[in-house]
Structure formats: structure tokens, C-alpha cells
């Protein structure tokens, strides 16, 4: 009995030491560290099937935070480009040119109203690198550069920016 307990106790210790650090410390991390964890998890999916863009972003954030953060649904309907408020989802009222790596963008195209969601992984003076799922309607995760000028032309003011606490 004592040996069984010791083996179980040691096994539990090994299991807990392998649990992602995000579970233990996500909310204690700096915002820069949380943003980087989201970027890193998004890169891990490049070239893989990701499914619909919003669901993929929700999955990435959940994995990056070790399940500490769940992104809420969209308002007022599932096809909109704005999330309901959440305890750990912070909406930003700022220009797209101020976006930072690890932030999430929800938008819809001016031409047809189709919504899209992606994660910003890099920013330059002329645009942003984004990781996204289903941009080409194939439900695959890819990386692309999107100039701010092109974003303004195709999206205008129909977007929301978020960072995750």
C-alpha cells in the first residue's frame, strides 16, 4: 500500500512538472509574455488544418493560456466581427497601425460583409504579419503580410482589436 502511494505520488509530481507553465502563471505573466505565448501557439499550427478562423483563434488562446482564458462568443450574432466582453479580453479603440504582436483582429470586408479573425504576429511601419485560419477558404493555417493601406481599402473601420489578459 505504501509503495503504491509513493509511486502514485511520484507519478503525480512528474505529471505536474510537465503541465504547461501557463496554467500556473498566465495571469502573473507580463502582457508582453502573454502576447508572445499566443504568437508562439499560432506559429505551431502553420500549415495545419485549423478550421474556421474564429474557432481557431479561440483554440490558440486557450492553449497558450493553459485553459486560463476562454474567449467569449460574438455579438450580436456568430457572424459578426465583435466579441462580447470577457473578463480577460480587452477591446482596444485604436487605429490598426497601433496593433501589436499577440493581438487579435476581428474584421469584415467592406465589399461583401464576410467576417474574418486573425492573430497579429509581427508589425512593420507599412503593415502586419498575421497568422490565420481559413483565409483562402481551405481551413488551413497560414502566414501572410497585410499592408495597412490594403487593410484600410478592404476593411475600412469594420474591425475590432483585442489583447488577452
C-alpha atoms as a PDB file:
ATOM      1  CA  UNK A   1       0.000   0.000   0.000  1.00  0.00           C
ATOM      2  CA  UNK A   2       2.763   2.408   0.975  1.00  0.00           C
ATOM      3  CA  UNK A   3       4.748   1.628  -2.200  1.00  0.00           C
ATOM      4  CA  UNK A   4       1.649   2.166  -4.362  1.00  0.00           C
ATOM      5  CA  UNK A   5       1.062   5.540  -2.708  1.00  0.00           C
ATOM      6  CA  UNK A   6       4.690   6.551  -3.280  1.00  0.00           C
ATOM      7  CA  UNK A   7       4.578   5.541  -6.947  1.00  0.00           C
ATOM      8  CA  UNK A   8       1.300   7.441  -7.457  1.00  0.00           C
ATOM      9  CA  UNK A   9       2.710  10.478  -5.637  1.00  0.00           C
ATOM     10  CA  UNK A  10       5.868  10.464  -7.777  1.00  0.00           C
ATOM     11  CA  UNK A  11       3.791   9.988 -10.923  1.00  0.00           C
ATOM     12  CA  UNK A  12       1.627  12.956  -9.971  1.00  0.00           C
ATOM     13  CA  UNK A  13       4.769  15.036  -9.410  1.00  0.00           C
ATOM     14  CA  UNK A  14       6.107  14.128 -12.853  1.00  0.00           C
ATOM     15  CA  UNK A  15       2.739  14.930 -14.417  1.00  0.00           C
ATOM     16  CA  UNK A  16       2.507  18.319 -12.715  1.00  0.00           C
ATOM     17  CA  UNK A  17       6.037  19.226 -13.740  1.00  0.00           C
ATOM     18  CA  UNK A  18       5.067  18.630 -17.378  1.00  0.00           C
ATOM     19  CA  UNK A  19       1.916  20.797 -17.237  1.00  0.00           C
ATOM     20  CA  UNK A  20       2.392  23.986 -19.276  1.00  0.00           C
ATOM     21  CA  UNK A  21       3.591  26.908 -17.203  1.00  0.00           C
ATOM     22  CA  UNK A  22       0.653  28.983 -18.443  1.00  0.00           C
ATOM     23  CA  UNK A  23      -1.708  27.068 -16.174  1.00  0.00           C
ATOM     24  CA  UNK A  24       0.262  28.092 -13.109  1.00  0.00           C
ATOM     25  CA  UNK A  25       1.211  31.620 -14.089  1.00  0.00           C
ATOM     26  CA  UNK A  26      -0.689  33.054 -17.063  1.00  0.00           C
ATOM     27  CA  UNK A  27      -2.233  35.903 -15.062  1.00  0.00           C
ATOM     28  CA  UNK A  28       1.079  36.647 -13.341  1.00  0.00           C
ATOM     29  CA  UNK A  29       2.938  36.960 -16.646  1.00  0.00           C
ATOM     30  CA  UNK A  30       3.642  40.355 -18.219  1.00  0.00           C
ATOM     31  CA  UNK A  31       1.411  41.374 -21.113  1.00  0.00           C
ATOM     32  CA  UNK A  32       4.373  41.005 -23.477  1.00  0.00           C
ATOM     33  CA  UNK A  33       4.905  37.408 -22.316  1.00  0.00           C
ATOM     34  CA  UNK A  34       1.196  36.552 -22.728  1.00  0.00           C
ATOM     35  CA  UNK A  35       1.182  38.091 -26.219  1.00  0.00           C
ATOM     36  CA  UNK A  36       4.283  36.088 -27.160  1.00  0.00           C
ATOM     37  CA  UNK A  37       2.704  32.854 -25.911  1.00  0.00           C
ATOM     38  CA  UNK A  38      -0.248  33.491 -28.258  1.00  0.00           C
ATOM     39  CA  UNK A  39       2.123  34.209 -31.165  1.00  0.00           C
ATOM     40  CA  UNK A  40       4.117  31.034 -30.436  1.00  0.00           C
ATOM     41  CA  UNK A  41       0.982  28.848 -30.317  1.00  0.00           C
ATOM     42  CA  UNK A  42      -0.264  30.330 -33.591  1.00  0.00           C
ATOM     43  CA  UNK A  43       3.075  29.566 -35.321  1.00  0.00           C
ATOM     44  CA  UNK A  44       2.821  25.957 -34.119  1.00  0.00           C
ATOM     45  CA  UNK A  45      -0.228  25.489 -36.358  1.00  0.00           C
ATOM     46  CA  UNK A  46       1.282  26.821 -39.608  1.00  0.00           C
ATOM     47  CA  UNK A  47       0.469  24.503 -42.493  1.00  0.00           C
ATOM     48  CA  UNK A  48      -2.028  22.505 -40.439  1.00  0.00           C
ATOM     49  CA  UNK A  49      -5.802  22.300 -40.605  1.00  0.00           C
ATOM     50  CA  UNK A  50      -7.273  24.975 -38.324  1.00  0.00           C
ATOM     51  CA  UNK A  51     -10.947  25.059 -39.263  1.00  0.00           C
ATOM     52  CA  UNK A  52     -12.941  28.269 -39.092  1.00  0.00           C
ATOM     53  CA  UNK A  53     -10.910  31.361 -38.211  1.00  0.00           C
ATOM     54  CA  UNK A  54     -12.710  32.419 -35.004  1.00  0.00           C
ATOM     55  CA  UNK A  55     -12.790  28.915 -33.570  1.00  0.00           C
ATOM     56  CA  UNK A  56      -9.086  28.505 -34.380  1.00  0.00           C
ATOM     57  CA  UNK A  57      -8.181  31.763 -32.591  1.00  0.00           C
ATOM     58  CA  UNK A  58     -10.255  30.692 -29.577  1.00  0.00           C
ATOM     59  CA  UNK A  59      -8.357  27.386 -29.515  1.00  0.00           C
ATOM     60  CA  UNK A  60      -4.961  29.087 -29.789  1.00  0.00           C
ATOM     61  CA  UNK A  61      -5.700  31.436 -26.879  1.00  0.00           C
ATOM     62  CA  UNK A  62      -6.978  28.576 -24.734  1.00  0.00           C
ATOM     63  CA  UNK A  63      -3.865  26.502 -25.453  1.00  0.00           C
ATOM     64  CA  UNK A  64      -1.483  29.446 -24.952  1.00  0.00           C
ATOM     65  CA  UNK A  65      -3.060  30.231 -21.573  1.00  0.00           C
ATOM     66  CA  UNK A  66      -3.211  26.609 -20.466  1.00  0.00           C
ATOM     67  CA  UNK A  67      -7.003  26.912 -20.362  1.00  0.00           C
ATOM     68  CA  UNK A  68      -6.904  30.011 -18.131  1.00  0.00           C
ATOM     69  CA  UNK A  69      -8.669  32.132 -20.766  1.00  0.00           C
ATOM     70  CA  UNK A  70     -11.766  31.360 -22.797  1.00  0.00           C
ATOM     71  CA  UNK A  71     -12.747  33.872 -25.465  1.00  0.00           C
ATOM     72  CA  UNK A  72     -16.483  34.679 -25.467  1.00  0.00           C
ATOM     73  CA  UNK A  73     -18.795  34.382 -28.446  1.00  0.00           C
ATOM     74  CA  UNK A  74     -19.515  37.125 -30.967  1.00  0.00           C
ATOM     75  CA  UNK A  75     -22.127  39.831 -30.698  1.00  0.00           C
ATOM     76  CA  UNK A  76     -24.830  40.275 -31.746  1.00  0.00           C
ATOM     77  CA  UNK A  77     -24.578  37.083 -33.786  1.00  0.00           C
ATOM     78  CA  UNK A  78     -21.952  34.413 -34.567  1.00  0.00           C
ATOM     79  CA  UNK A  79     -21.132  36.043 -37.922  1.00  0.00           C
ATOM     80  CA  UNK A  80     -20.276  39.457 -36.508  1.00  0.00           C
ATOM     81  CA  UNK A  81     -16.759  40.817 -36.011  1.00  0.00           C
ATOM     82  CA  UNK A  82     -17.014  41.832 -32.326  1.00  0.00           C
ATOM     83  CA  UNK A  83     -16.774  39.634 -29.235  1.00  0.00           C
ATOM     84  CA  UNK A  84     -18.905  40.011 -26.162  1.00  0.00           C
ATOM     85  CA  UNK A  85     -16.968  41.404 -23.235  1.00  0.00           C
ATOM     86  CA  UNK A  86     -14.938  38.903 -21.302  1.00  0.00           C
ATOM     87  CA  UNK A  87     -13.014  39.095 -18.062  1.00  0.00           C
ATOM     88  CA  UNK A  88      -9.715  38.595 -19.917  1.00  0.00           C
ATOM     89  CA  UNK A  89     -10.495  40.042 -23.358  1.00  0.00           C
ATOM     90  CA  UNK A  90      -9.671  43.741 -23.698  1.00  0.00           C
ATOM     91  CA  UNK A  91     -11.067  45.637 -26.670  1.00  0.00           C
ATOM     92  CA  UNK A  92      -8.894  48.444 -27.971  1.00  0.00           C
ATOM     93  CA  UNK A  93     -10.204  51.654 -29.527  1.00  0.00           C
ATOM     94  CA  UNK A  94      -7.189  52.439 -31.653  1.00  0.00           C
ATOM     95  CA  UNK A  95      -6.076  52.569 -35.258  1.00  0.00           C
ATOM     96  CA  UNK A  96      -4.943  49.329 -36.916  1.00  0.00           C
ATOM     97  CA  UNK A  97      -1.467  50.882 -37.263  1.00  0.00           C
ATOM     98  CA  UNK A  98      -1.071  50.624 -33.463  1.00  0.00           C
ATOM     99  CA  UNK A  99      -1.612  46.859 -33.366  1.00  0.00           C
ATOM    100  CA  UNK A 100       0.962  44.718 -31.534  1.00  0.00           C
ATOM    101  CA  UNK A 101       2.111  41.100 -31.911  1.00  0.00           C
ATOM    102  CA  UNK A 102      -0.207  38.790 -29.990  1.00  0.00           C
ATOM    103  CA  UNK A 103      -3.250  40.992 -30.519  1.00  0.00           C
ATOM    104  CA  UNK A 104      -6.323  39.596 -32.227  1.00  0.00           C
ATOM    105  CA  UNK A 105      -8.169  41.329 -35.038  1.00  0.00           C
ATOM    106  CA  UNK A 106     -11.772  40.658 -35.941  1.00  0.00           C
ATOM    107  CA  UNK A 107     -12.975  42.362 -39.101  1.00  0.00           C
ATOM    108  CA  UNK A 108     -15.329  42.166 -42.015  1.00  0.00           C
ATOM    109  CA  UNK A 109     -14.689  43.032 -45.629  1.00  0.00           C
ATOM    110  CA  UNK A 110     -16.431  46.174 -46.903  1.00  0.00           C
ATOM    111  CA  UNK A 111     -17.204  44.592 -50.267  1.00  0.00           C
ATOM    112  CA  UNK A 112     -19.207  41.591 -49.083  1.00  0.00           C
ATOM    113  CA  UNK A 113     -19.538  41.742 -45.285  1.00  0.00           C
ATOM    114  CA  UNK A 114     -17.645  38.466 -44.797  1.00  0.00           C
ATOM    115  CA  UNK A 115     -16.051  38.406 -41.331  1.00  0.00           C
ATOM    116  CA  UNK A 116     -12.537  37.196 -40.552  1.00  0.00           C
ATOM    117  CA  UNK A 117     -10.403  36.778 -37.414  1.00  0.00           C
ATOM    118  CA  UNK A 118      -6.615  36.524 -37.147  1.00  0.00           C
ATOM    119  CA  UNK A 119      -3.637  36.876 -34.814  1.00  0.00           C
ATOM    120  CA  UNK A 120      -1.017  39.551 -35.431  1.00  0.00           C
ATOM    121  CA  UNK A 121       2.482  38.055 -35.143  1.00  0.00           C
ATOM    122  CA  UNK A 122       4.624  40.955 -36.374  1.00  0.00           C
ATOM    123  CA  UNK A 123       4.355  44.635 -37.255  1.00  0.00           C
ATOM    124  CA  UNK A 124       6.352  46.931 -39.538  1.00  0.00           C
ATOM    125  CA  UNK A 125       5.844  50.581 -40.431  1.00  0.00           C
ATOM    126  CA  UNK A 126       3.876  49.536 -43.533  1.00  0.00           C
ATOM    127  CA  UNK A 127       1.839  46.571 -42.333  1.00  0.00           C
ATOM    128  CA  UNK A 128       1.432  43.461 -40.235  1.00  0.00           C
ATOM    129  CA  UNK A 129       2.274  39.785 -40.409  1.00  0.00           C
ATOM    130  CA  UNK A 130      -0.728  37.671 -39.488  1.00  0.00           C
ATOM    131  CA  UNK A 131      -1.339  34.010 -38.784  1.00  0.00           C
ATOM    132  CA  UNK A 132      -4.861  32.981 -39.691  1.00  0.00           C
ATOM    133  CA  UNK A 133      -7.007  30.012 -40.493  1.00  0.00           C
ATOM    134  CA  UNK A 134      -9.315  29.717 -43.478  1.00  0.00           C
ATOM    135  CA  UNK A 135      -8.298  32.928 -45.261  1.00  0.00           C
ATOM    136  CA  UNK A 136      -8.314  31.075 -48.578  1.00  0.00           C
ATOM    137  CA  UNK A 137     -11.472  29.135 -47.663  1.00  0.00           C
ATOM    138  CA  UNK A 138      -9.451  25.921 -47.226  1.00  0.00           C
ATOM    139  CA  UNK A 139      -9.458  25.930 -43.389  1.00  0.00           C
ATOM    140  CA  UNK A 140      -5.645  25.762 -43.343  1.00  0.00           C
ATOM    141  CA  UNK A 141      -3.459  27.926 -41.100  1.00  0.00           C
ATOM    142  CA  UNK A 142      -1.148  30.284 -42.947  1.00  0.00           C
ATOM    143  CA  UNK A 143       1.104  33.301 -42.562  1.00  0.00           C
ATOM    144  CA  UNK A 144       0.861  36.415 -44.707  1.00  0.00           C
ATOM    145  CA  UNK A 145       1.835  40.086 -44.736  1.00  0.00           C
ATOM    146  CA  UNK A 146      -1.007  42.581 -44.972  1.00  0.00           C
ATOM    147  CA  UNK A 147      -0.190  46.230 -45.688  1.00  0.00           C
ATOM    148  CA  UNK A 148      -2.078  48.821 -43.678  1.00  0.00           C
ATOM    149  CA  UNK A 149      -3.056  50.546 -46.939  1.00  0.00           C
ATOM    150  CA  UNK A 150      -4.623  47.338 -48.287  1.00  0.00           C
ATOM    151  CA  UNK A 151      -6.333  46.698 -44.933  1.00  0.00           C
ATOM    152  CA  UNK A 152      -7.806  50.239 -44.973  1.00  0.00           C
ATOM    153  CA  UNK A 153      -9.039  49.747 -48.541  1.00  0.00           C
ATOM    154  CA  UNK A 154     -10.656  46.345 -47.941  1.00  0.00           C
ATOM    155  CA  UNK A 155     -11.853  46.720 -44.343  1.00  0.00           C
ATOM    156  CA  UNK A 156     -12.133  50.428 -43.534  1.00  0.00           C
ATOM    157  CA  UNK A 157     -13.424  50.881 -39.996  1.00  0.00           C
ATOM    158  CA  UNK A 158     -15.138  47.485 -39.769  1.00  0.00           C
ATOM    159  CA  UNK A 159     -12.725  45.884 -37.305  1.00  0.00           C
ATOM    160  CA  UNK A 160     -12.121  45.301 -33.613  1.00  0.00           C
ATOM    161  CA  UNK A 161      -8.755  44.876 -31.878  1.00  0.00           C
ATOM    162  CA  UNK A 162      -8.214  42.806 -28.727  1.00  0.00           C
ATOM    163  CA  UNK A 163      -5.474  41.739 -26.412  1.00  0.00           C
ATOM    164  CA  UNK A 164      -5.792  38.947 -23.893  1.00  0.00           C
ATOM    165  CA  UNK A 165      -5.111  39.395 -20.173  1.00  0.00           C
END
